[in-house]
């Protein structure tokens, strides 16, 4: 994916200002910045939830064949349904023919195979986030966008999401874009980092460069 001069305005005010990014297949990209810099808006534009005012999003292949999965802000879950039924509903809504075994395989992949008939409303925050990521994986997307997936989780929940993202990368070869304000957390698994400030990408850095510069780097 290549993003060229992407701009988004709300009420005449630029929230995204000339975003330029080039994303390679199979990498984990961290989109880092303080709250309010435009991270969520950018992810919404990339997955089609928002129309941008100007610029281009270009795919290497025919863009009609690119499937993007997303978990933006809170997962959209039916709390009175099981995890299985949530995944089956998502599959049907996007026209995927999922068999019971396909759904069970995905539940096992994200560590929710033992939830049975438990309603999602009874899930912990970490379980809901893992189910949200499973929903993003329905249809085997080439790219998934995760907006603050570890927000409000305890240390154990953060570790579980980190391990799941690494598992997605290793076993499914999916390109992952993760937004966060926690640079130290993303440095544990991202391959590349985009640092965002006031609606702009101010720096792109590999994880190797990040680790060598970490002593002097801030988001301010």
C-alpha atoms as a PDB file:
ATOM      1  CA  UNK A   1       0.000   0.000   0.000  1.00  0.00           C
ATOM      2  CA  UNK A   2       1.191   3.502  -0.803  1.00  0.00           C
ATOM      3  CA  UNK A   3      -0.447   6.565   0.737  1.00  0.00           C
ATOM      4  CA  UNK A   4       0.240   9.817  -1.078  1.00  0.00           C
ATOM      5  CA  UNK A   5      -0.491  13.302   0.311  1.00  0.00           C
ATOM      6  CA  UNK A   6      -3.566  12.135   2.208  1.00  0.00           C
ATOM      7  CA  UNK A   7      -5.555  14.992   3.722  1.00  0.00           C
ATOM      8  CA  UNK A   8      -8.664  14.928   5.882  1.00  0.00           C
ATOM      9  CA  UNK A   9     -10.590  17.935   7.197  1.00  0.00           C
ATOM     10  CA  UNK A  10     -13.346  18.249   9.767  1.00  0.00           C
ATOM     11  CA  UNK A  11     -15.297  21.518   9.685  1.00  0.00           C
ATOM     12  CA  UNK A  12     -12.563  23.050   7.550  1.00  0.00           C
ATOM     13  CA  UNK A  13      -9.774  22.107   9.970  1.00  0.00           C
ATOM     14  CA  UNK A  14      -7.053  19.723   8.786  1.00  0.00           C
ATOM     15  CA  UNK A  15      -6.835  16.623  10.950  1.00  0.00           C
ATOM     16  CA  UNK A  16      -4.544  14.831   8.484  1.00  0.00           C
ATOM     17  CA  UNK A  17      -2.134  16.970   6.535  1.00  0.00           C
ATOM     18  CA  UNK A  18      -0.254  15.439   3.592  1.00  0.00           C
ATOM     19  CA  UNK A  19       0.251  11.902   4.948  1.00  0.00           C
ATOM     20  CA  UNK A  20       2.804   9.891   2.943  1.00  0.00           C
ATOM     21  CA  UNK A  21       3.509   6.252   3.763  1.00  0.00           C
ATOM     22  CA  UNK A  22       4.781   3.203   1.881  1.00  0.00           C
ATOM     23  CA  UNK A  23       3.865  -0.153   3.425  1.00  0.00           C
ATOM     24  CA  UNK A  24       5.521  -3.418   2.434  1.00  0.00           C
ATOM     25  CA  UNK A  25       3.866  -6.804   2.555  1.00  0.00           C
ATOM     26  CA  UNK A  26       4.277  -8.886   5.697  1.00  0.00           C
ATOM     27  CA  UNK A  27       5.585  -6.209   8.065  1.00  0.00           C
ATOM     28  CA  UNK A  28       4.275  -4.951  11.396  1.00  0.00           C
ATOM     29  CA  UNK A  29       3.990  -1.170  11.353  1.00  0.00           C
ATOM     30  CA  UNK A  30       3.573   0.884  14.477  1.00  0.00           C
ATOM     31  CA  UNK A  31       1.769   4.211  14.144  1.00  0.00           C
ATOM     32  CA  UNK A  32       2.837   6.148  17.213  1.00  0.00           C
ATOM     33  CA  UNK A  33       1.754   9.484  18.607  1.00  0.00           C
ATOM     34  CA  UNK A  34       0.045  11.159  21.511  1.00  0.00           C
ATOM     35  CA  UNK A  35      -3.740  11.183  21.752  1.00  0.00           C
ATOM     36  CA  UNK A  36      -5.400  13.545  19.285  1.00  0.00           C
ATOM     37  CA  UNK A  37      -2.704  13.559  16.586  1.00  0.00           C
ATOM     38  CA  UNK A  38      -4.929  11.822  13.993  1.00  0.00           C
ATOM     39  CA  UNK A  39      -4.014   8.147  14.304  1.00  0.00           C
ATOM     40  CA  UNK A  40      -7.590   6.856  14.448  1.00  0.00           C
ATOM     41  CA  UNK A  41      -8.693   9.189  11.654  1.00  0.00           C
ATOM     42  CA  UNK A  42      -5.909   7.864   9.432  1.00  0.00           C
ATOM     43  CA  UNK A  43      -6.863   4.236  10.081  1.00  0.00           C
ATOM     44  CA  UNK A  44     -10.518   5.044   9.388  1.00  0.00           C
ATOM     45  CA  UNK A  45      -9.518   6.536   6.036  1.00  0.00           C
ATOM     46  CA  UNK A  46      -7.368   3.524   5.144  1.00  0.00           C
ATOM     47  CA  UNK A  47     -10.185   1.026   5.699  1.00  0.00           C
ATOM     48  CA  UNK A  48     -12.899   3.129   4.060  1.00  0.00           C
ATOM     49  CA  UNK A  49     -14.816   4.197   7.172  1.00  0.00           C
ATOM     50  CA  UNK A  50     -14.048   7.842   6.366  1.00  0.00           C
ATOM     51  CA  UNK A  51     -13.712   9.640   3.054  1.00  0.00           C
ATOM     52  CA  UNK A  52     -10.553  11.690   2.794  1.00  0.00           C
ATOM     53  CA  UNK A  53     -10.541  15.113   1.136  1.00  0.00           C
ATOM     54  CA  UNK A  54      -7.512  14.701  -1.091  1.00  0.00           C
ATOM     55  CA  UNK A  55      -4.606  12.380  -1.837  1.00  0.00           C
ATOM     56  CA  UNK A  56      -4.390   8.757  -2.975  1.00  0.00           C
ATOM     57  CA  UNK A  57      -4.264   5.243  -1.550  1.00  0.00           C
ATOM     58  CA  UNK A  58      -2.641   2.905  -4.062  1.00  0.00           C
ATOM     59  CA  UNK A  59      -2.286  -0.876  -3.886  1.00  0.00           C
ATOM     60  CA  UNK A  60       0.296  -2.929  -5.779  1.00  0.00           C
ATOM     61  CA  UNK A  61      -2.412  -5.304  -6.938  1.00  0.00           C
ATOM     62  CA  UNK A  62      -5.942  -4.697  -8.190  1.00  0.00           C
ATOM     63  CA  UNK A  63      -7.465  -2.816  -5.269  1.00  0.00           C
ATOM     64  CA  UNK A  64     -10.752  -4.637  -5.701  1.00  0.00           C
ATOM     65  CA  UNK A  65      -8.943  -7.792  -4.550  1.00  0.00           C
ATOM     66  CA  UNK A  66      -7.344  -6.290  -1.418  1.00  0.00           C
ATOM     67  CA  UNK A  67      -9.179  -7.249   1.750  1.00  0.00           C
ATOM     68  CA  UNK A  68      -8.518  -5.078   4.791  1.00  0.00           C
ATOM     69  CA  UNK A  69      -9.597  -6.165   8.263  1.00  0.00           C
ATOM     70  CA  UNK A  70      -9.879  -3.609  11.043  1.00  0.00           C
ATOM     71  CA  UNK A  71     -10.406  -3.177  14.752  1.00  0.00           C
ATOM     72  CA  UNK A  72     -11.002   0.547  15.177  1.00  0.00           C
ATOM     73  CA  UNK A  73     -11.482   1.854  18.719  1.00  0.00           C
ATOM     74  CA  UNK A  74     -13.825  -0.642  20.452  1.00  0.00           C
ATOM     75  CA  UNK A  75     -14.717  -3.985  18.838  1.00  0.00           C
ATOM     76  CA  UNK A  76     -18.267  -4.045  17.515  1.00  0.00           C
ATOM     77  CA  UNK A  77     -19.594  -7.030  19.423  1.00  0.00           C
ATOM     78  CA  UNK A  78     -23.048  -8.489  20.043  1.00  0.00           C
ATOM     79  CA  UNK A  79     -22.836  -8.906  23.809  1.00  0.00           C
ATOM     80  CA  UNK A  80     -25.840 -11.234  24.022  1.00  0.00           C
ATOM     81  CA  UNK A  81     -24.277 -13.684  21.546  1.00  0.00           C
ATOM     82  CA  UNK A  82     -21.409 -16.158  21.850  1.00  0.00           C
ATOM     83  CA  UNK A  83     -17.989 -15.623  20.301  1.00  0.00           C
ATOM     84  CA  UNK A  84     -18.854 -18.299  17.736  1.00  0.00           C
ATOM     85  CA  UNK A  85     -22.061 -16.517  16.731  1.00  0.00           C
ATOM     86  CA  UNK A  86     -20.294 -13.150  16.521  1.00  0.00           C
ATOM     87  CA  UNK A  87     -17.747 -14.566  14.086  1.00  0.00           C
ATOM     88  CA  UNK A  88     -20.380 -16.354  12.027  1.00  0.00           C
ATOM     89  CA  UNK A  89     -22.434 -13.148  11.816  1.00  0.00           C
ATOM     90  CA  UNK A  90     -19.371 -11.230  10.606  1.00  0.00           C
ATOM     91  CA  UNK A  91     -18.624 -13.868   7.981  1.00  0.00           C
ATOM     92  CA  UNK A  92     -22.177 -13.748   6.651  1.00  0.00           C
ATOM     93  CA  UNK A  93     -22.209  -9.939   6.625  1.00  0.00           C
ATOM     94  CA  UNK A  94     -19.183  -9.770   4.294  1.00  0.00           C
ATOM     95  CA  UNK A  95     -20.255 -12.687   2.113  1.00  0.00           C
ATOM     96  CA  UNK A  96     -17.801 -15.322   3.386  1.00  0.00           C
ATOM     97  CA  UNK A  97     -19.001 -18.903   3.431  1.00  0.00           C
ATOM     98  CA  UNK A  98     -17.678 -20.056   6.797  1.00  0.00           C
ATOM     99  CA  UNK A  99     -18.311 -23.561   8.041  1.00  0.00           C
ATOM    100  CA  UNK A 100     -18.476 -24.339  11.760  1.00  0.00           C
ATOM    101  CA  UNK A 101     -14.934 -25.719  11.614  1.00  0.00           C
ATOM    102  CA  UNK A 102     -13.664 -22.458  10.070  1.00  0.00           C
ATOM    103  CA  UNK A 103     -15.088 -20.449  12.958  1.00  0.00           C
ATOM    104  CA  UNK A 104     -13.767 -22.914  15.532  1.00  0.00           C
ATOM    105  CA  UNK A 105     -10.305 -22.756  13.961  1.00  0.00           C
ATOM    106  CA  UNK A 106     -10.307 -18.964  14.220  1.00  0.00           C
ATOM    107  CA  UNK A 107     -11.475 -19.092  17.838  1.00  0.00           C
ATOM    108  CA  UNK A 108      -8.647 -21.498  18.611  1.00  0.00           C
ATOM    109  CA  UNK A 109      -6.163 -19.256  16.814  1.00  0.00           C
ATOM    110  CA  UNK A 110      -6.979 -16.273  19.058  1.00  0.00           C
ATOM    111  CA  UNK A 111      -7.189 -18.354  22.241  1.00  0.00           C
ATOM    112  CA  UNK A 112     -10.966 -18.399  22.682  1.00  0.00           C
ATOM    113  CA  UNK A 113     -11.746 -22.031  21.895  1.00  0.00           C
ATOM    114  CA  UNK A 114     -12.944 -22.760  25.435  1.00  0.00           C
ATOM    115  CA  UNK A 115     -15.616 -20.033  25.610  1.00  0.00           C
ATOM    116  CA  UNK A 116     -18.431 -22.335  24.490  1.00  0.00           C
ATOM    117  CA  UNK A 117     -21.885 -20.849  25.037  1.00  0.00           C
ATOM    118  CA  UNK A 118     -20.622 -18.018  27.250  1.00  0.00           C
ATOM    119  CA  UNK A 119     -22.096 -14.697  26.131  1.00  0.00           C
ATOM    120  CA  UNK A 120     -19.615 -12.058  25.017  1.00  0.00           C
ATOM    121  CA  UNK A 121     -21.036  -9.608  27.550  1.00  0.00           C
ATOM    122  CA  UNK A 122     -19.452 -11.795  30.242  1.00  0.00           C
ATOM    123  CA  UNK A 123     -15.994 -11.697  28.623  1.00  0.00           C
ATOM    124  CA  UNK A 124     -13.042  -9.866  30.165  1.00  0.00           C
ATOM    125  CA  UNK A 125     -11.631  -6.832  28.348  1.00  0.00           C
ATOM    126  CA  UNK A 126      -8.725  -8.911  27.028  1.00  0.00           C
ATOM    127  CA  UNK A 127     -11.057 -11.606  25.704  1.00  0.00           C
ATOM    128  CA  UNK A 128     -13.156  -8.972  23.938  1.00  0.00           C
ATOM    129  CA  UNK A 129     -10.043  -7.526  22.310  1.00  0.00           C
ATOM    130  CA  UNK A 130      -8.956 -10.966  21.106  1.00  0.00           C
ATOM    131  CA  UNK A 131     -12.433 -11.533  19.693  1.00  0.00           C
ATOM    132  CA  UNK A 132     -12.235  -8.122  18.011  1.00  0.00           C
ATOM    133  CA  UNK A 133      -8.975  -9.175  16.363  1.00  0.00           C
ATOM    134  CA  UNK A 134     -10.595 -12.458  15.302  1.00  0.00           C
ATOM    135  CA  UNK A 135     -13.395 -10.440  13.659  1.00  0.00           C
ATOM    136  CA  UNK A 136     -10.735  -8.431  11.801  1.00  0.00           C
ATOM    137  CA  UNK A 137      -9.258 -11.718  10.531  1.00  0.00           C
ATOM    138  CA  UNK A 138     -12.527 -13.021   9.066  1.00  0.00           C
ATOM    139  CA  UNK A 139     -12.123 -13.463   5.327  1.00  0.00           C
ATOM    140  CA  UNK A 140      -8.325 -13.801   5.527  1.00  0.00           C
ATOM    141  CA  UNK A 141      -7.392 -10.149   4.923  1.00  0.00           C
ATOM    142  CA  UNK A 142      -4.015  -9.160   3.493  1.00  0.00           C
ATOM    143  CA  UNK A 143      -3.851  -6.146   5.839  1.00  0.00           C
ATOM    144  CA  UNK A 144      -5.264  -5.616   9.318  1.00  0.00           C
ATOM    145  CA  UNK A 145      -5.530  -2.287  11.108  1.00  0.00           C
ATOM    146  CA  UNK A 146      -5.558  -2.314  14.905  1.00  0.00           C
ATOM    147  CA  UNK A 147      -6.359   0.908  16.735  1.00  0.00           C
ATOM    148  CA  UNK A 148      -4.898   0.966  20.269  1.00  0.00           C
ATOM    149  CA  UNK A 149      -5.521  -2.793  20.740  1.00  0.00           C
ATOM    150  CA  UNK A 150      -3.900  -2.863  24.197  1.00  0.00           C
ATOM    151  CA  UNK A 151      -5.625   0.250  25.539  1.00  0.00           C
ATOM    152  CA  UNK A 152      -7.052  -0.241  29.073  1.00  0.00           C
ATOM    153  CA  UNK A 153      -5.652  -3.770  29.372  1.00  0.00           C
ATOM    154  CA  UNK A 154      -3.682  -5.014  32.351  1.00  0.00           C
ATOM    155  CA  UNK A 155      -0.060  -6.207  31.843  1.00  0.00           C
ATOM    156  CA  UNK A 156      -1.159  -9.812  31.239  1.00  0.00           C
ATOM    157  CA  UNK A 157      -3.726  -8.703  28.657  1.00  0.00           C
ATOM    158  CA  UNK A 158      -1.141  -6.534  26.903  1.00  0.00           C
ATOM    159  CA  UNK A 159       1.245  -9.483  26.697  1.00  0.00           C
ATOM    160  CA  UNK A 160      -1.500 -11.729  25.275  1.00  0.00           C
ATOM    161  CA  UNK A 161      -2.330  -9.230  22.522  1.00  0.00           C
ATOM    162  CA  UNK A 162       1.374  -8.794  21.741  1.00  0.00           C
ATOM    163  CA  UNK A 163       1.808 -12.546  21.394  1.00  0.00           C
ATOM    164  CA  UNK A 164      -1.303 -12.791  19.210  1.00  0.00           C
ATOM    165  CA  UNK A 165      -0.049 -10.077  16.865  1.00  0.00           C
ATOM    166  CA  UNK A 166       3.294 -11.860  16.543  1.00  0.00           C
ATOM    167  CA  UNK A 167       1.417 -15.101  15.853  1.00  0.00           C
ATOM    168  CA  UNK A 168      -0.664 -13.432  13.121  1.00  0.00           C
ATOM    169  CA  UNK A 169       2.519 -12.100  11.549  1.00  0.00           C
ATOM    170  CA  UNK A 170       4.407 -15.399  11.743  1.00  0.00           C
ATOM    171  CA  UNK A 171       1.648 -17.823  10.756  1.00  0.00           C
ATOM    172  CA  UNK A 172      -0.567 -15.795   8.411  1.00  0.00           C
ATOM    173  CA  UNK A 173       1.869 -13.393   6.773  1.00  0.00           C
ATOM    174  CA  UNK A 174      -0.553 -10.517   7.225  1.00  0.00           C
ATOM    175  CA  UNK A 175       0.639  -6.912   7.058  1.00  0.00           C
ATOM    176  CA  UNK A 176      -0.293  -5.285  10.366  1.00  0.00           C
ATOM    177  CA  UNK A 177      -0.685  -1.587  11.181  1.00  0.00           C
ATOM    178  CA  UNK A 178      -1.072  -0.807  14.885  1.00  0.00           C
ATOM    179  CA  UNK A 179      -1.713   2.604  16.387  1.00  0.00           C
ATOM    180  CA  UNK A 180      -0.575   3.332  19.925  1.00  0.00           C
ATOM    181  CA  UNK A 181       0.737   6.061  22.182  1.00  0.00           C
ATOM    182  CA  UNK A 182       3.056   3.514  23.852  1.00  0.00           C
ATOM    183  CA  UNK A 183       6.289   3.586  21.896  1.00  0.00           C
ATOM    184  CA  UNK A 184       8.041   1.216  24.291  1.00  0.00           C
ATOM    185  CA  UNK A 185       5.353  -1.451  23.805  1.00  0.00           C
ATOM    186  CA  UNK A 186       5.367  -1.252  20.003  1.00  0.00           C
ATOM    187  CA  UNK A 187       9.164  -1.485  20.013  1.00  0.00           C
ATOM    188  CA  UNK A 188       8.789  -5.056  21.317  1.00  0.00           C
ATOM    189  CA  UNK A 189       7.255  -6.375  18.100  1.00  0.00           C
ATOM    190  CA  UNK A 190       6.895  -3.790  15.315  1.00  0.00           C
ATOM    191  CA  UNK A 191       9.314  -4.013  12.384  1.00  0.00           C
ATOM    192  CA  UNK A 192       8.941  -0.331  11.490  1.00  0.00           C
ATOM    193  CA  UNK A 193       7.604   2.755  13.237  1.00  0.00           C
ATOM    194  CA  UNK A 194       5.819   5.836  11.884  1.00  0.00           C
ATOM    195  CA  UNK A 195       5.829   8.720  14.353  1.00  0.00           C
ATOM    196  CA  UNK A 196       2.857  11.057  14.019  1.00  0.00           C
ATOM    197  CA  UNK A 197       2.435  14.602  15.292  1.00  0.00           C
ATOM    198  CA  UNK A 198      -0.323  17.167  14.602  1.00  0.00           C
ATOM    199  CA  UNK A 199      -1.764  15.225  11.661  1.00  0.00           C
ATOM    200  CA  UNK A 200       1.571  14.561   9.970  1.00  0.00           C
ATOM    201  CA  UNK A 201       4.069  11.718   9.755  1.00  0.00           C
ATOM    202  CA  UNK A 202       7.209  13.358  11.071  1.00  0.00           C
ATOM    203  CA  UNK A 203       9.485  10.312  11.031  1.00  0.00           C
ATOM    204  CA  UNK A 204       9.711   6.760   9.681  1.00  0.00           C
ATOM    205  CA  UNK A 205      12.203   4.534  11.431  1.00  0.00           C
ATOM    206  CA  UNK A 206      13.103   0.844  11.472  1.00  0.00           C
ATOM    207  CA  UNK A 207      13.117  -1.017  14.754  1.00  0.00           C
ATOM    208  CA  UNK A 208      16.910  -1.263  14.593  1.00  0.00           C
ATOM    209  CA  UNK A 209      17.244   2.513  14.249  1.00  0.00           C
ATOM    210  CA  UNK A 210      14.647   3.024  16.963  1.00  0.00           C
ATOM    211  CA  UNK A 211      16.547   0.940  19.475  1.00  0.00           C
ATOM    212  CA  UNK A 212      19.760   2.827  18.788  1.00  0.00           C
ATOM    213  CA  UNK A 213      18.036   6.205  19.145  1.00  0.00           C
ATOM    214  CA  UNK A 214      15.616   5.346  21.958  1.00  0.00           C
ATOM    215  CA  UNK A 215      17.560   7.133  24.644  1.00  0.00           C
ATOM    216  CA  UNK A 216      16.936  10.510  23.036  1.00  0.00           C
ATOM    217  CA  UNK A 217      13.539   9.994  21.322  1.00  0.00           C
ATOM    218  CA  UNK A 218      10.261  11.494  22.566  1.00  0.00           C
ATOM    219  CA  UNK A 219       6.795  11.943  21.075  1.00  0.00           C
ATOM    220  CA  UNK A 220       6.599  15.629  22.057  1.00  0.00           C
END
